[in-house]
Amino acid sequence: RVIDGRVQHSILLEIFTDEGIGTMVVPDAPIDVHTGPELGES
């Protein structure tokens, strides 16, 4: 998570609330090469 230190009590809000206050960084979903358009389609 990335937490904005300029927000008062941001660490406490992140730790003690269900939704948090920071920005969650997650990896990209894997790319499924089998669901894309077929080659040669327009």
N, C-alpha and C. Protein backbone atom coordinates (compact mmCIF):
# COMPACT_ATOMS: atom_id res chain seq x y z
N ARG A 1 0.84 -1.19 0.00
CA ARG A 1 0.00 0.00 0.00
C ARG A 1 0.87 1.24 0.00
N VAL A 2 0.36 2.29 -0.60
CA VAL A 2 0.99 3.60 -0.59
C VAL A 2 0.10 4.49 0.27
N ILE A 3 0.68 5.09 1.31
CA ILE A 3 -0.10 5.90 2.25
C ILE A 3 0.39 7.34 2.19
N ASP A 4 -0.55 8.27 2.02
CA ASP A 4 -0.23 9.69 1.96
C ASP A 4 0.02 10.21 3.37
N GLY A 5 1.26 10.54 3.67
CA GLY A 5 1.63 11.03 4.99
C GLY A 5 1.13 12.43 5.29
N ARG A 6 0.59 13.12 4.29
CA ARG A 6 0.06 14.47 4.52
C ARG A 6 -1.32 14.44 5.16
N VAL A 7 -1.98 13.29 5.12
CA VAL A 7 -3.31 13.14 5.73
C VAL A 7 -3.13 12.83 7.21
N GLN A 8 -3.77 13.62 8.04
CA GLN A 8 -3.64 13.45 9.49
C GLN A 8 -4.11 12.05 9.90
N HIS A 9 -3.29 11.37 10.70
CA HIS A 9 -3.59 10.04 11.24
C HIS A 9 -3.73 8.97 10.16
N SER A 10 -3.07 9.15 9.02
CA SER A 10 -3.24 8.21 7.90
C SER A 10 -2.81 6.79 8.26
N ILE A 11 -1.75 6.63 9.01
CA ILE A 11 -1.30 5.28 9.39
C ILE A 11 -2.36 4.60 10.27
N LEU A 12 -2.91 5.34 11.23
CA LEU A 12 -3.95 4.75 12.09
C LEU A 12 -5.19 4.39 11.29
N LEU A 13 -5.58 5.26 10.35
CA LEU A 13 -6.74 4.97 9.51
C LEU A 13 -6.49 3.74 8.64
N GLU A 14 -5.28 3.58 8.16
CA GLU A 14 -4.94 2.42 7.33
C GLU A 14 -5.01 1.14 8.15
N ILE A 15 -4.49 1.19 9.36
CA ILE A 15 -4.41 -0.02 10.18
C ILE A 15 -5.75 -0.40 10.80
N PHE A 16 -6.50 0.58 11.28
CA PHE A 16 -7.66 0.28 12.12
C PHE A 16 -9.01 0.45 11.43
N THR A 17 -9.05 0.67 10.13
CA THR A 17 -10.34 0.70 9.43
C THR A 17 -10.37 -0.42 8.40
N ASP A 18 -11.57 -0.91 8.10
CA ASP A 18 -11.70 -2.02 7.15
C ASP A 18 -11.28 -1.61 5.74
N GLU A 19 -11.64 -0.38 5.34
CA GLU A 19 -11.35 0.05 3.97
C GLU A 19 -9.98 0.67 3.80
N GLY A 20 -9.34 1.08 4.91
CA GLY A 20 -8.02 1.71 4.80
C GLY A 20 -8.12 3.09 4.17
N ILE A 21 -6.97 3.70 3.96
CA ILE A 21 -6.94 5.04 3.36
C ILE A 21 -5.93 5.11 2.23
N GLY A 22 -5.05 4.12 2.16
CA GLY A 22 -3.98 4.14 1.16
C GLY A 22 -4.44 3.61 -0.19
N THR A 23 -3.50 3.61 -1.11
CA THR A 23 -3.73 3.07 -2.44
C THR A 23 -3.09 1.69 -2.50
N MET A 24 -3.88 0.66 -2.78
CA MET A 24 -3.34 -0.68 -2.85
C MET A 24 -2.74 -0.91 -4.23
N VAL A 25 -1.52 -1.39 -4.25
CA VAL A 25 -0.83 -1.71 -5.50
C VAL A 25 -0.87 -3.22 -5.66
N VAL A 26 -1.46 -3.67 -6.77
CA VAL A 26 -1.58 -5.10 -7.02
C VAL A 26 -0.97 -5.41 -8.39
N PRO A 27 -0.49 -6.63 -8.56
CA PRO A 27 0.07 -6.99 -9.87
C PRO A 27 -1.02 -7.05 -10.93
N ASP A 28 -0.62 -6.87 -12.17
CA ASP A 28 -1.57 -7.00 -13.28
C ASP A 28 -2.09 -8.42 -13.34
N ALA A 29 -3.31 -8.55 -13.83
CA ALA A 29 -3.87 -9.88 -14.05
C ALA A 29 -3.10 -10.54 -15.18
N PRO A 30 -2.92 -11.84 -15.10
CA PRO A 30 -2.21 -12.51 -16.20
C PRO A 30 -2.96 -12.34 -17.51
N ILE A 31 -2.22 -12.21 -18.57
CA ILE A 31 -2.81 -12.04 -19.90
C ILE A 31 -3.14 -13.42 -20.46
N ASP A 32 -4.39 -13.62 -20.85
CA ASP A 32 -4.80 -14.88 -21.46
C ASP A 32 -4.74 -14.71 -22.97
N VAL A 33 -3.71 -15.28 -23.57
CA VAL A 33 -3.50 -15.10 -25.01
C VAL A 33 -4.54 -15.84 -25.84
N HIS A 34 -5.32 -16.71 -25.21
CA HIS A 34 -6.29 -17.51 -25.95
C HIS A 34 -7.65 -16.82 -26.10
N THR A 35 -7.86 -15.67 -25.44
CA THR A 35 -9.16 -15.02 -25.54
C THR A 35 -9.14 -13.79 -26.44
N GLY A 36 -8.00 -13.48 -27.01
CA GLY A 36 -7.90 -12.31 -27.88
C GLY A 36 -8.50 -12.58 -29.24
N PRO A 37 -8.57 -11.54 -30.08
CA PRO A 37 -9.10 -11.73 -31.44
C PRO A 37 -8.19 -12.65 -32.25
N GLU A 38 -8.79 -13.40 -33.12
CA GLU A 38 -8.03 -14.30 -33.98
C GLU A 38 -7.19 -13.50 -34.96
N LEU A 39 -6.05 -14.03 -35.33
CA LEU A 39 -5.21 -13.37 -36.33
C LEU A 39 -5.96 -13.30 -37.65
N GLY A 40 -5.84 -12.19 -38.32
CA GLY A 40 -6.49 -12.01 -39.60
C GLY A 40 -7.89 -11.42 -39.51
N GLU A 41 -8.45 -11.31 -38.30
CA GLU A 41 -9.77 -10.69 -38.17
C GLU A 41 -9.66 -9.19 -38.30
N SER A 42 -10.69 -8.55 -38.84
CA SER A 42 -10.69 -7.10 -38.97
C SER A 42 -11.70 -6.50 -38.05
